[in-house]
Amino acid sequence: MYAKSEIMKRREAVGIDDVRDLVLHLTADAPPPSWVRVENPRSINKVVALLIPGLTPDILSLPPLPTSATSNPNVPLQVPLPQTNLAGESSSGVPFINSTFTYACPTRAPGDQSRMHSVLNTFFQGPVTGEEKKRRLTERLISERTQEKSPMRYLLTLEQMIENGYPVPSYLAEVFEKPPGWVETKVSAADATLLSPPASDPPRIYAIDCEMCLTEDGKQLARVCLIDYASSIVVYDALVKPSKPVTDYLTRWSGITAEGLSSATASFDDVQSHILSVLSASPTPVLLGHSLESDLQALKICHPRCIDTALIYHHPRGRPLKPGLAWLTKKWCGREIQNRGEGGHDPEEDARACLDLLRKKVENGPGFGEFKVDTESIFERMSRSRTKGNAPITSAVVDHGNPAAWHGQKATTCIACKSDADVLAGLLSSLPSHHFLFGRLTALADVRGWITPKVTGDEPVPPPTSSTNAGRKEDGAALLETMATLDKQLRELYTALPARTAVVIFTGHADPRRMAELNARKAAFENALKAGKSVEELGKEARWTSADGRELEEEVEKAKRGLLFLGVKGA
């Protein structure tokens, strides 16, 4: 199955993008990959992909990856059959893997020298085909000829708002739970015109920018500026009196000083109430900003009509990266902003930059400010393909959290789960009616201390489980129990698969804890320097050295290592 000669020619191990392209070859229209050979791919009925982080070579009694200069570390490893000792204990922590798959193919997660990038994002997003690019270009040209030059065409869709972490109003979708103190814009009617206003009654557009300071209660709003798009007049500019003592004015970024903020009389509630009243006019105004979700979060306001210059303009390296406002303004407007050094940002200057960028976009059309690095969801590509019986390809994402608001957004079915047991149940229930299924089992990574719990924006990020620590021993009993449960779940799922189902199991990456720990140290050091501290003021343990940099690069490479198991269930 594996084309070892092709793998040996590669400079790097099989990547997550290669795994994605294999799935697309089996389910859609992607060409056959060179590193693996699949006979009669059209005879495959279903494809089930499982991401199981925490499944490492030692658990499966695999030989370590070769490190000598004469050996190729990318060549698939033979998986030994599970052996049982006199006490009845298996040589493998998950014997299902050893008894089902013949080879384990080393993989490499995406990233650069100092960071590992998202395995999920790489798996679910891929480059657009040449044929689709031509279709989109034709569609764009027709659209530009037929549509008038209106800012309304750049309103964010509900999908875009969800995808980019916007606090979405409840009357648009029940996807954002408002914490205490949050409000949402009042609208006259929550219908289709809300995200597609009629040309006969265009709403007003306001550019907004907020600046923050750091208080004993975390970051708080310190200043907000609102500018009318049509007239370029500042309609509101207020300093906000913090409710708690300020610990850092963040002057270098916010432009806020102790002297300036001392004259503030408006409370947060006053400012929030005023902005809400402006946005609750009829027709519902449009709010314009750069990474506008941050401004809405600062104001604790949910608003339905938004234009975001970080999304309507592209980063030169493409999605999911977002361009900076200063870079955009210099590149497309030919002027510099945010160049006051230690004086920080001016919210009026930033809001005006957003106005200018939107005007440029309206004048020059949707293609202005875009870089042609087109990507799309694998589910979009699958939707353009058909089965042998000419039926549409159906897909299901069964994952922890809320996959419908993330990578499963364009799948036919999304099932949100709270445990691996939920994932198994979701996969089993979706199996009869879907051609492609994806599930993620995280209990093994969790019990090994690889997963850091998510926190809200106002809470400090907990340090990763110390991985000098990578050398620490996991709770042996809990690990054995988790591996036994995983083995049972995989067997149950495999038994339920119909004949000619392709099974793709990949681990994504290795232990990320030491890498995360070093990156946290590096970030703390850089933030201390940004705050004005000198290297001499920092203790030796807080400094970042070239030796630390080399160790980080080594740990990143280790963390990127993963394993891939491929098979097709026989009749």
Protein backbone atom coordinates (compact mmCIF):
# COMPACT_ATOMS: atom_id res chain seq x y z
CA MET A 1 0.00 0.00 0.00
CA TYR A 2 2.74 2.49 0.92
CA ALA A 3 5.06 3.56 -1.90
CA LYS A 4 8.28 3.39 0.12
CA SER A 5 10.48 4.50 -2.76
CA GLU A 6 8.42 7.69 -3.11
CA ILE A 7 8.45 8.31 0.65
CA MET A 8 12.24 7.94 0.73
CA LYS A 9 12.58 10.67 -1.92
CA ARG A 10 10.78 13.15 0.31
CA ARG A 11 12.70 15.63 2.44
CA GLU A 12 10.04 15.45 5.16
CA ALA A 13 7.63 12.90 6.53
CA VAL A 14 4.08 12.57 5.22
CA GLY A 15 2.21 15.73 6.26
CA ILE A 16 -1.30 16.30 7.54
CA ASP A 17 -2.06 17.93 4.19
CA ASP A 18 -1.07 14.63 2.53
CA VAL A 19 -3.52 12.77 4.78
CA ARG A 20 -6.22 15.30 3.83
CA ASP A 21 -5.50 14.83 0.11
CA LEU A 22 -5.71 11.05 0.49
CA VAL A 23 -9.17 11.44 2.07
CA LEU A 24 -10.21 13.72 -0.81
CA HIS A 25 -8.89 11.18 -3.33
CA LEU A 26 -11.08 8.50 -1.73
CA THR A 27 -14.19 10.66 -1.35
CA ALA A 28 -13.99 13.41 -3.97
CA ASP A 29 -11.97 14.47 -7.00
CA ALA A 30 -8.38 14.74 -5.72
CA PRO A 31 -5.68 13.01 -7.81
CA PRO A 32 -4.01 9.87 -6.42
CA PRO A 33 -1.19 10.62 -3.96
CA SER A 34 2.32 9.46 -4.85
CA TRP A 35 3.24 8.15 -1.38
CA VAL A 36 0.51 5.53 -1.13
CA ARG A 37 -1.24 3.34 -3.70
CA VAL A 38 -4.94 2.58 -3.48
CA GLU A 39 -6.29 -0.03 -5.87
CA ASN A 40 -9.84 0.56 -7.13
CA PRO A 41 -10.51 3.67 -5.00
CA ARG A 42 -14.01 3.98 -6.49
CA SER A 43 -14.96 0.66 -4.89
CA ILE A 44 -14.53 2.13 -1.40
CA ASN A 45 -17.94 2.71 0.19
CA LYS A 46 -17.07 4.95 3.13
CA VAL A 47 -14.10 6.70 4.72
CA VAL A 48 -13.75 7.01 8.50
CA ALA A 49 -10.98 9.30 9.78
CA LEU A 50 -10.06 9.29 13.47
CA LEU A 51 -7.69 11.74 15.16
CA ILE A 52 -6.29 10.18 18.35
CA PRO A 53 -3.62 12.40 19.98
CA GLY A 54 -1.60 10.70 22.70
CA LEU A 55 -1.13 7.46 20.78
CA THR A 56 2.68 7.22 20.71
CA PRO A 57 5.15 4.53 19.54
CA ASP A 58 5.93 3.37 23.10
CA ILE A 59 2.26 2.54 23.74
CA LEU A 60 2.21 0.29 20.66
CA SER A 61 5.66 -1.27 21.25
CA LEU A 62 6.89 0.26 18.00
CA PRO A 63 10.64 0.62 17.46
CA PRO A 64 11.91 4.20 17.95
CA LEU A 65 12.35 6.32 14.82
CA PRO A 66 15.88 5.90 13.42
CA THR A 67 18.27 8.76 14.15
CA SER A 68 21.37 7.68 12.25
CA ALA A 69 22.38 9.62 9.14
CA THR A 70 22.09 6.48 7.00
CA SER A 71 18.49 5.69 7.97
CA ASN A 72 15.37 7.40 6.70
CA PRO A 73 13.03 8.36 9.59
CA ASN A 74 10.07 8.82 7.23
CA VAL A 75 9.76 5.20 6.09
CA PRO A 76 6.72 3.30 7.48
CA LEU A 77 7.42 1.14 10.52
CA GLN A 78 6.19 -2.44 10.74
CA VAL A 79 3.64 -2.77 13.54
CA PRO A 80 4.40 -5.83 15.71
CA LEU A 81 1.55 -8.18 16.54
CA PRO A 82 0.47 -7.90 20.18
CA GLN A 83 2.11 -10.43 22.48
CA THR A 84 0.63 -11.63 25.77
CA ASN A 85 2.83 -12.49 28.76
CA LEU A 86 2.18 -15.14 31.41
CA ALA A 87 0.19 -12.65 33.45
CA GLY A 88 -2.15 -12.09 30.51
CA GLU A 89 -0.86 -8.57 29.85
CA SER A 90 -0.57 -7.38 26.25
CA SER A 91 2.67 -5.92 24.89
CA SER A 92 0.57 -3.14 23.35
CA GLY A 93 -1.50 -0.58 25.21
CA VAL A 94 -4.04 -0.59 22.36
CA PRO A 95 -3.79 -4.09 20.84
CA PHE A 96 -6.54 -3.34 18.29
CA ILE A 97 -4.05 -1.14 16.41
CA ASN A 98 -1.37 -3.85 16.40
CA SER A 99 -3.73 -6.59 15.24
CA THR A 100 -5.47 -4.49 12.56
CA PHE A 101 -2.71 -2.48 10.87
CA THR A 102 0.52 -3.75 9.34
CA TYR A 103 2.43 -0.45 9.15
CA ALA A 104 2.63 2.86 11.03
CA CYS A 105 3.64 5.73 8.77
CA PRO A 106 5.51 8.62 10.47
CA THR A 107 3.84 12.00 9.92
CA ARG A 108 4.82 15.61 10.49
CA ALA A 109 2.46 18.29 11.81
CA PRO A 110 2.41 21.75 10.18
CA GLY A 111 4.28 24.70 11.68
CA ASP A 112 7.43 26.76 11.60
CA GLN A 113 10.68 26.59 13.58
CA SER A 114 9.17 27.85 16.82
CA ARG A 115 5.53 26.74 16.67
CA MET A 116 3.32 23.88 15.67
CA HIS A 117 0.26 24.96 13.70
CA SER A 118 -3.24 23.53 13.97
CA VAL A 119 -3.52 19.93 12.81
CA LEU A 120 -7.31 20.29 12.54
CA ASN A 121 -7.14 23.44 10.43
CA THR A 122 -4.66 21.83 8.02
CA PHE A 123 -6.76 18.68 7.73
CA PHE A 124 -10.05 20.48 7.12
CA GLN A 125 -8.80 23.31 4.87
CA GLY A 126 -7.11 22.74 1.52
CA PRO A 127 -6.17 24.63 -1.65
CA VAL A 128 -8.89 25.29 -4.21
CA THR A 129 -8.62 23.27 -7.43
CA GLY A 130 -7.72 25.01 -10.70
CA GLU A 131 -11.20 24.35 -12.07
CA GLU A 132 -12.84 25.88 -9.01
CA LYS A 133 -10.55 28.93 -9.20
CA LYS A 134 -11.69 29.56 -12.79
CA ARG A 135 -15.32 29.22 -11.74
CA ARG A 136 -14.87 31.65 -8.85
CA LEU A 137 -13.07 34.16 -11.05
CA THR A 138 -15.88 34.05 -13.63
CA GLU A 139 -18.45 34.41 -10.87
CA ARG A 140 -16.58 37.39 -9.42
CA LEU A 141 -16.32 39.14 -12.79
CA ILE A 142 -20.05 38.71 -13.41
CA SER A 143 -20.79 39.90 -9.87
CA GLU A 144 -18.63 43.01 -10.25
CA ARG A 145 -20.37 43.92 -13.50
CA THR A 146 -23.87 43.48 -12.14
CA GLN A 147 -23.57 44.87 -8.59
CA GLU A 148 -23.40 48.52 -7.69
CA LYS A 149 -20.50 49.87 -5.66
CA SER A 150 -21.98 49.52 -2.19
CA PRO A 151 -20.34 48.88 1.18
CA MET A 152 -23.22 46.52 1.99
CA ARG A 153 -21.72 43.74 -0.12
CA TYR A 154 -18.93 43.48 2.48
CA LEU A 155 -21.21 42.75 5.43
CA LEU A 156 -20.07 39.65 7.29
CA THR A 157 -22.25 36.60 6.85
CA LEU A 158 -23.44 34.68 9.89
CA GLU A 159 -20.93 31.94 9.00
CA GLN A 160 -18.07 34.45 8.98
CA MET A 161 -19.13 35.90 12.33
CA ILE A 162 -19.26 32.47 13.96
CA GLU A 163 -16.00 31.36 12.36
CA ASN A 164 -14.15 34.45 13.63
CA GLY A 165 -15.40 34.41 17.19
CA TYR A 166 -17.93 37.25 17.01
CA PRO A 167 -20.44 37.62 19.84
CA VAL A 168 -23.48 36.82 17.71
CA PRO A 169 -26.89 38.24 18.76
CA SER A 170 -29.38 35.59 19.89
CA TYR A 171 -31.89 36.60 17.21
CA LEU A 172 -29.37 35.61 14.51
CA ALA A 173 -28.27 32.29 16.03
CA GLU A 174 -28.10 30.68 19.46
CA VAL A 175 -24.34 30.19 19.42
CA PHE A 176 -23.12 32.78 21.94
CA GLU A 177 -24.11 32.69 25.60
CA LYS A 178 -24.04 36.26 26.91
CA PRO A 179 -22.20 36.54 30.25
CA PRO A 180 -23.53 39.02 32.85
CA GLY A 181 -23.19 42.63 31.71
CA TRP A 182 -23.57 41.86 27.99
CA VAL A 183 -26.25 43.47 25.83
CA GLU A 184 -27.37 43.11 22.21
CA THR A 185 -28.53 45.64 19.65
CA LYS A 186 -32.29 46.05 19.33
CA VAL A 187 -33.62 45.49 15.80
CA SER A 188 -37.06 46.12 14.32
CA ALA A 189 -37.17 42.74 12.54
CA ALA A 190 -34.79 39.77 12.61
CA ASP A 191 -35.37 38.71 9.02
CA ALA A 192 -33.29 38.15 5.85
CA THR A 193 -32.82 41.90 5.34
CA LEU A 194 -30.76 42.10 8.53
CA LEU A 195 -27.67 40.69 6.79
CA SER A 196 -28.70 41.87 3.33
CA PRO A 197 -30.21 45.35 3.66
CA PRO A 198 -32.26 46.70 0.72
CA ALA A 199 -30.56 49.29 -1.51
CA SER A 200 -33.61 51.54 -1.14
CA ASP A 201 -32.95 52.10 2.57
CA PRO A 202 -29.18 51.93 3.20
CA PRO A 203 -28.16 52.03 6.88
CA ARG A 204 -25.55 54.37 8.35
CA ILE A 205 -22.03 53.02 8.81
CA TYR A 206 -19.88 53.81 11.84
CA ALA A 207 -16.18 53.01 12.18
CA ILE A 208 -15.17 52.13 15.73
CA ASP A 209 -11.97 51.53 17.67
CA CYS A 210 -11.51 50.75 21.35
CA GLU A 211 -8.43 50.95 23.55
CA MET A 212 -7.90 49.07 26.80
CA CYS A 213 -5.96 49.41 30.04
CA LEU A 214 -5.06 46.78 32.62
CA THR A 215 -6.75 46.93 36.03
CA GLU A 216 -6.87 44.71 39.09
CA ASP A 217 -9.80 42.96 37.42
CA GLY A 218 -8.02 42.41 34.11
CA LYS A 219 -8.36 44.40 30.88
CA GLN A 220 -11.02 47.12 30.85
CA LEU A 221 -12.25 49.58 28.24
CA ALA A 222 -10.37 52.92 28.47
CA ARG A 223 -11.41 54.83 25.35
CA VAL A 224 -13.81 54.41 22.44
CA CYS A 225 -14.10 56.43 19.23
CA LEU A 226 -16.98 56.31 16.73
CA ILE A 227 -16.81 57.99 13.26
CA ASP A 228 -19.57 58.36 10.67
CA TYR A 229 -18.64 56.81 7.28
CA ALA A 230 -20.54 59.27 5.06
CA SER A 231 -19.35 62.50 6.69
CA SER A 232 -16.08 61.39 8.37
CA ILE A 233 -17.26 63.27 11.47
CA VAL A 234 -16.44 61.93 14.94
CA VAL A 235 -19.85 61.26 16.50
CA TYR A 236 -18.56 59.94 19.82
CA ASP A 237 -15.18 59.91 21.54
CA ALA A 238 -15.04 59.12 25.24
CA LEU A 239 -12.55 58.15 27.90
CA VAL A 240 -13.89 55.51 30.25
CA LYS A 241 -13.39 55.74 34.01
CA PRO A 242 -12.13 52.31 35.12
CA SER A 243 -14.09 50.56 37.86
CA LYS A 244 -10.92 49.22 39.50
CA PRO A 245 -7.43 50.66 40.10
CA VAL A 246 -5.26 50.65 36.95
CA THR A 247 -2.15 48.48 37.14
CA ASP A 248 -0.87 49.22 33.61
CA TYR A 249 -2.11 51.87 31.17
CA LEU A 250 -0.60 49.88 28.26
CA THR A 251 0.42 53.27 26.85
CA ARG A 252 2.73 51.77 24.25
CA TRP A 253 -0.27 50.14 22.56
CA SER A 254 -3.33 52.04 23.78
CA GLY A 255 -2.03 55.61 23.87
CA ILE A 256 -3.78 55.90 27.28
CA THR A 257 -1.89 57.74 30.04
CA ALA A 258 -2.61 58.31 33.72
CA GLU A 259 -2.94 62.03 33.07
CA GLY A 260 -5.37 61.53 30.19
CA LEU A 261 -7.54 59.00 31.98
CA SER A 262 -7.74 61.13 35.13
CA SER A 263 -10.22 63.42 33.34
CA ALA A 264 -12.60 60.55 32.47
CA THR A 265 -16.08 60.91 33.94
CA ALA A 266 -18.08 58.35 31.95
CA SER A 267 -18.47 54.89 33.45
CA PHE A 268 -18.39 51.72 31.38
CA ASP A 269 -22.18 51.44 31.68
CA ASP A 270 -22.59 55.02 30.40
CA VAL A 271 -20.44 54.33 27.34
CA GLN A 272 -22.02 50.95 26.63
CA SER A 273 -25.52 52.49 26.90
CA HIS A 274 -24.63 55.34 24.51
CA ILE A 275 -23.08 53.04 21.88
CA LEU A 276 -26.07 50.70 22.18
CA SER A 277 -28.51 53.57 21.59
CA VAL A 278 -26.59 54.63 18.45
CA LEU A 279 -26.59 51.06 17.12
CA SER A 280 -30.25 50.47 17.93
CA ALA A 281 -31.43 53.14 15.44
CA SER A 282 -33.57 52.19 12.45
CA PRO A 283 -32.45 50.99 9.98
CA THR A 284 -29.89 49.04 12.03
CA PRO A 285 -26.48 50.72 11.46
CA VAL A 286 -23.38 48.88 10.25
CA LEU A 287 -20.33 48.74 12.52
CA LEU A 288 -16.92 48.83 10.83
CA GLY A 289 -13.62 47.95 12.47
CA HIS A 290 -10.41 45.94 12.32
CA SER A 291 -10.79 42.56 14.08
CA LEU A 292 -14.08 44.06 15.17
CA GLU A 293 -14.93 41.12 17.41
CA SER A 294 -12.34 42.48 19.90
CA ASP A 295 -14.08 45.88 20.05
CA LEU A 296 -17.48 44.23 20.55
CA GLN A 297 -16.01 42.11 23.33
CA ALA A 298 -14.53 45.22 24.95
CA LEU A 299 -17.95 46.91 24.84
CA LYS A 300 -19.81 43.68 25.73
CA ILE A 301 -22.21 44.26 22.84
CA CYS A 302 -23.63 41.78 20.31
CA HIS A 303 -24.35 43.43 16.95
CA PRO A 304 -25.67 41.85 13.71
CA ARG A 305 -24.28 44.13 10.97
CA CYS A 306 -20.50 44.15 10.85
CA ILE A 307 -17.72 44.85 8.32
CA ASP A 308 -14.21 43.76 9.29
CA THR A 309 -11.17 45.09 7.41
CA ALA A 310 -9.14 42.15 8.77
CA LEU A 311 -11.41 39.84 6.74
CA ILE A 312 -12.26 41.79 3.58
CA TYR A 313 -8.51 42.30 3.03
CA HIS A 314 -6.08 39.39 2.89
CA HIS A 315 -2.81 38.62 4.62
CA PRO A 316 -0.11 38.07 1.96
CA ARG A 317 0.34 34.47 3.16
CA GLY A 318 -3.39 33.80 3.02
CA ARG A 319 -5.91 32.48 5.53
CA PRO A 320 -6.17 31.90 8.43
CA LEU A 321 -3.63 34.70 9.02
CA LYS A 322 -5.08 38.20 9.36
CA PRO A 323 -3.30 41.37 8.21
CA GLY A 324 -2.42 44.16 10.66
CA LEU A 325 -4.17 47.51 10.31
CA ALA A 326 -0.93 49.52 10.05
CA TRP A 327 0.36 47.22 7.30
CA LEU A 328 -2.92 47.42 5.37
CA THR A 329 -3.05 51.19 5.59
CA LYS A 330 0.51 51.58 4.32
CA LYS A 331 0.07 48.95 1.59
CA TRP A 332 -3.29 50.03 0.19
CA CYS A 333 -3.74 53.65 1.32
CA GLY A 334 -0.10 54.74 1.04
CA ARG A 335 0.19 56.30 4.50
CA GLU A 336 1.54 55.33 7.90
CA ILE A 337 -0.38 55.01 11.15
CA GLN A 338 0.49 53.77 14.63
CA ASN A 339 3.95 55.31 14.30
CA ARG A 340 3.98 57.31 17.51
CA GLY A 341 6.38 54.87 19.18
CA GLU A 342 5.90 54.86 22.95
CA GLY A 343 2.90 57.17 22.49
CA GLY A 344 0.80 54.20 21.41
CA HIS A 345 -2.27 54.03 19.15
CA ASP A 346 -4.84 56.74 18.57
CA PRO A 347 -8.33 55.19 18.26
CA GLU A 348 -9.51 58.00 15.99
CA GLU A 349 -6.57 57.39 13.65
CA ASP A 350 -7.29 53.65 13.58
CA ALA A 351 -11.02 54.16 12.97
CA ARG A 352 -10.27 56.57 10.08
CA ALA A 353 -7.90 54.00 8.59
CA CYS A 354 -10.79 51.50 8.55
CA LEU A 355 -12.97 54.09 6.79
CA ASP A 356 -10.33 54.67 4.12
CA LEU A 357 -9.79 50.95 3.58
CA LEU A 358 -13.51 50.34 3.11
CA ARG A 359 -13.76 53.26 0.65
CA LYS A 360 -10.84 51.80 -1.34
CA LYS A 361 -12.53 48.41 -1.37
CA VAL A 362 -15.86 49.84 -2.54
CA GLU A 363 -14.19 51.88 -5.28
CA ASN A 364 -11.94 49.11 -6.62
CA GLY A 365 -14.12 46.05 -6.14
CA PRO A 366 -14.00 42.81 -4.10
CA GLY A 367 -10.70 41.63 -5.59
CA PHE A 368 -8.85 44.72 -4.31
CA GLY A 369 -6.48 43.90 -1.44
CA GLU A 370 -6.71 40.15 -1.90
CA PHE A 371 -3.83 37.73 -2.41
CA LYS A 372 -4.67 34.71 -4.48
CA VAL A 373 -3.95 32.03 -1.91
CA ASP A 374 -7.35 30.40 -2.12
CA THR A 375 -8.37 27.70 0.32
CA GLU A 376 -11.64 25.95 1.02
CA SER A 377 -13.14 23.44 3.42
CA ILE A 378 -12.79 19.78 2.41
CA PHE A 379 -16.58 19.61 2.75
CA GLU A 380 -17.03 22.23 0.02
CA ARG A 381 -14.88 20.10 -2.25
CA MET A 382 -16.78 16.94 -1.32
CA SER A 383 -20.09 18.70 -2.04
CA ARG A 384 -19.06 19.14 -5.69
CA SER A 385 -18.47 15.38 -6.08
CA ARG A 386 -20.87 12.48 -6.49
CA THR A 387 -20.93 8.81 -5.56
CA LYS A 388 -21.02 6.03 -8.16
CA GLY A 389 -24.81 6.27 -8.05
CA ASN A 390 -24.63 10.05 -8.66
CA ALA A 391 -25.74 10.83 -5.09
CA PRO A 392 -24.14 13.77 -3.23
CA ILE A 393 -21.31 12.98 -0.82
CA THR A 394 -22.56 13.27 2.77
CA SER A 395 -20.19 14.04 5.63
CA ALA A 396 -20.31 14.01 9.42
CA VAL A 397 -18.02 15.60 12.01
CA VAL A 398 -18.30 14.14 15.51
CA ASP A 399 -16.09 16.04 17.91
CA HIS A 400 -15.66 17.56 21.34
CA GLY A 401 -16.92 21.12 21.82
CA ASN A 402 -19.01 22.74 19.10
CA PRO A 403 -17.69 21.57 15.69
CA ALA A 404 -20.61 23.26 13.89
CA ALA A 405 -19.10 26.64 14.77
CA TRP A 406 -15.60 25.56 13.77
CA HIS A 407 -14.12 22.97 11.41
CA GLY A 408 -17.37 21.10 10.82
CA GLN A 409 -19.26 24.18 9.73
CA LYS A 410 -19.77 23.01 6.13
CA ALA A 411 -20.25 19.30 6.87
CA THR A 412 -23.64 17.68 6.26
CA THR A 413 -23.95 16.74 9.94
CA CYS A 414 -22.19 17.96 13.08
CA ILE A 415 -22.46 16.29 16.48
CA ALA A 416 -21.14 18.10 19.56
CA CYS A 417 -19.69 15.79 22.21
CA LYS A 418 -18.54 16.01 25.81
CA SER A 419 -16.66 12.70 26.00
CA ASP A 420 -15.09 10.00 23.85
CA ALA A 421 -18.15 7.85 24.63
CA ASP A 422 -20.28 10.55 22.98
CA VAL A 423 -17.93 10.55 19.97
CA LEU A 424 -18.29 6.78 19.57
CA ALA A 425 -22.09 6.99 19.86
CA GLY A 426 -22.18 9.83 17.32
CA LEU A 427 -20.05 7.92 14.83
CA LEU A 428 -22.14 4.77 15.18
CA SER A 429 -25.40 6.68 14.68
CA SER A 430 -24.03 8.60 11.66
CA LEU A 431 -22.41 5.60 9.96
CA PRO A 432 -25.39 4.33 7.91
CA SER A 433 -26.21 7.69 6.29
CA HIS A 434 -22.81 9.29 5.63
CA HIS A 435 -19.97 8.63 3.19
CA PHE A 436 -17.24 10.43 5.17
CA LEU A 437 -17.02 10.56 8.95
CA PHE A 438 -14.51 12.29 11.18
CA GLY A 439 -14.16 11.74 14.91
CA ARG A 440 -11.64 12.87 17.50
CA LEU A 441 -10.87 10.81 20.62
CA THR A 442 -9.05 12.91 23.23
CA ALA A 443 -9.20 10.89 26.47
CA LEU A 444 -5.72 9.41 25.95
CA ALA A 445 -4.11 12.83 25.41
CA ASP A 446 -6.05 14.17 28.39
CA VAL A 447 -4.94 11.46 30.80
CA ARG A 448 -1.34 12.00 29.67
CA GLY A 449 -1.56 15.70 30.56
CA TRP A 450 -1.29 16.95 26.98
CA ILE A 451 -4.47 19.04 26.98
CA THR A 452 -4.65 22.49 28.59
CA PRO A 453 -8.23 23.51 29.48
CA LYS A 454 -9.57 26.56 27.66
CA VAL A 455 -10.24 29.72 29.64
CA THR A 456 -12.27 32.86 29.04
CA GLY A 457 -10.65 36.07 27.90
CA ASP A 458 -10.43 37.61 31.37
CA GLU A 459 -8.80 34.61 33.03
CA PRO A 460 -5.04 34.02 33.01
CA VAL A 461 -3.87 31.20 30.77
CA PRO A 462 -2.78 28.27 32.95
CA PRO A 463 0.75 27.06 32.34
CA PRO A 464 0.94 23.75 30.48
CA THR A 465 1.60 20.70 32.57
CA SER A 466 5.34 20.95 33.18
CA SER A 467 7.08 18.63 30.86
CA THR A 468 10.28 18.19 32.34
CA ASN A 469 7.20 16.59 33.07
CA ALA A 470 7.49 15.16 29.58
CA GLY A 471 9.73 12.92 31.61
CA ARG A 472 7.21 12.57 34.43
CA LYS A 473 5.26 9.31 34.68
CA GLU A 474 1.57 9.46 34.01
CA ASP A 475 -0.85 7.98 36.52
CA GLY A 476 -0.25 4.34 35.55
CA ALA A 477 -3.65 2.99 36.59
CA ALA A 478 -5.57 5.80 34.86
CA LEU A 479 -3.49 5.39 31.70
CA LEU A 480 -4.06 1.65 31.56
CA GLU A 481 -7.79 2.11 32.08
CA THR A 482 -7.97 4.79 29.35
CA MET A 483 -6.03 2.65 26.86
CA ALA A 484 -8.29 -0.33 27.57
CA THR A 485 -11.38 1.84 27.00
CA LEU A 486 -9.91 3.23 23.76
CA ASP A 487 -9.16 -0.28 22.54
CA LYS A 488 -12.73 -1.37 23.27
CA GLN A 489 -14.17 1.72 21.52
CA LEU A 490 -12.06 1.17 18.40
CA ARG A 491 -13.09 -2.50 18.23
CA GLU A 492 -16.78 -1.61 18.59
CA LEU A 493 -16.55 1.00 15.84
CA TYR A 494 -14.57 -1.27 13.50
CA THR A 495 -17.07 -4.10 13.96
CA ALA A 496 -19.89 -1.75 12.91
CA LEU A 497 -18.13 -0.62 9.71
CA PRO A 498 -19.50 -2.04 6.47
CA ALA A 499 -17.18 -3.88 4.08
CA ARG A 500 -14.88 -1.75 1.90
CA THR A 501 -14.68 1.09 4.44
CA ALA A 502 -11.33 2.91 4.41
CA VAL A 503 -10.03 3.58 7.92
CA VAL A 504 -7.62 6.48 8.48
CA ILE A 505 -6.26 6.83 12.03
CA PHE A 506 -3.74 9.58 12.71
CA THR A 507 -2.28 10.98 15.92
CA GLY A 508 -1.48 14.48 14.63
CA HIS A 509 1.50 15.20 16.87
CA ALA A 510 3.60 14.02 19.80
CA ASP A 511 3.90 15.43 23.34
CA PRO A 512 3.58 19.24 23.01
CA ARG A 513 4.18 20.18 26.66
CA ARG A 514 7.85 21.11 26.60
CA MET A 515 7.32 23.11 23.40
CA ALA A 516 4.38 24.97 25.00
CA GLU A 517 6.37 25.60 28.16
CA LEU A 518 9.29 27.12 26.22
CA ASN A 519 6.97 29.24 24.07
CA ALA A 520 5.28 30.58 27.21
CA ARG A 521 8.70 31.53 28.62
CA LYS A 522 9.68 33.20 25.36
CA ALA A 523 6.41 35.17 25.24
CA ALA A 524 6.82 36.30 28.87
CA PHE A 525 10.36 37.52 28.12
CA GLU A 526 9.24 39.41 25.00
CA ASN A 527 6.30 40.98 26.85
CA ALA A 528 8.61 42.12 29.64
CA LEU A 529 10.86 43.86 27.08
CA LYS A 530 7.80 45.46 25.43
CA ALA A 531 6.73 46.75 28.83
CA GLY A 532 10.01 48.64 29.02
CA LYS A 533 12.09 46.34 31.23
CA SER A 534 15.74 45.83 30.41
CA VAL A 535 17.40 42.42 30.20
CA GLU A 536 19.42 43.30 33.29
CA GLU A 537 16.25 43.85 35.33
CA LEU A 538 15.05 40.35 34.57
CA GLY A 539 16.31 37.44 36.61
CA LYS A 540 18.33 34.73 34.92
CA GLU A 541 15.37 32.35 34.99
CA ALA A 542 13.22 34.91 33.12
CA ARG A 543 15.71 35.58 30.32
CA TRP A 544 15.51 34.01 26.87
CA THR A 545 18.84 32.88 25.45
CA SER A 546 20.06 31.49 22.16
CA ALA A 547 20.37 28.10 23.88
CA ASP A 548 16.68 28.32 24.77
CA GLY A 549 15.94 29.12 21.13
CA ARG A 550 17.82 26.03 19.94
CA GLU A 551 16.02 23.87 22.51
CA LEU A 552 12.68 25.28 21.36
CA GLU A 553 13.43 24.38 17.74
CA GLU A 554 14.35 20.83 18.80
CA GLU A 555 11.20 20.44 20.91
CA VAL A 556 9.01 21.77 18.09
CA GLU A 557 10.42 19.14 15.74
CA LYS A 558 9.78 16.43 18.35
CA ALA A 559 6.22 17.66 18.94
CA LYS A 560 5.45 17.60 15.21
CA ARG A 561 6.02 13.83 15.01
CA GLY A 562 2.93 11.71 14.61
CA LEU A 563 1.77 8.36 13.28
CA LEU A 564 -0.67 7.31 10.56
CA PHE A 565 -2.46 3.97 10.20
CA LEU A 566 -4.28 3.08 6.97
CA GLY A 567 -6.48 0.14 6.11
CA VAL A 568 -9.60 -1.01 4.28
CA LYS A 569 -12.05 -3.33 6.01
CA GLY A 570 -12.52 -6.47 3.97
CA ALA A 571 -15.75 -8.22 3.10
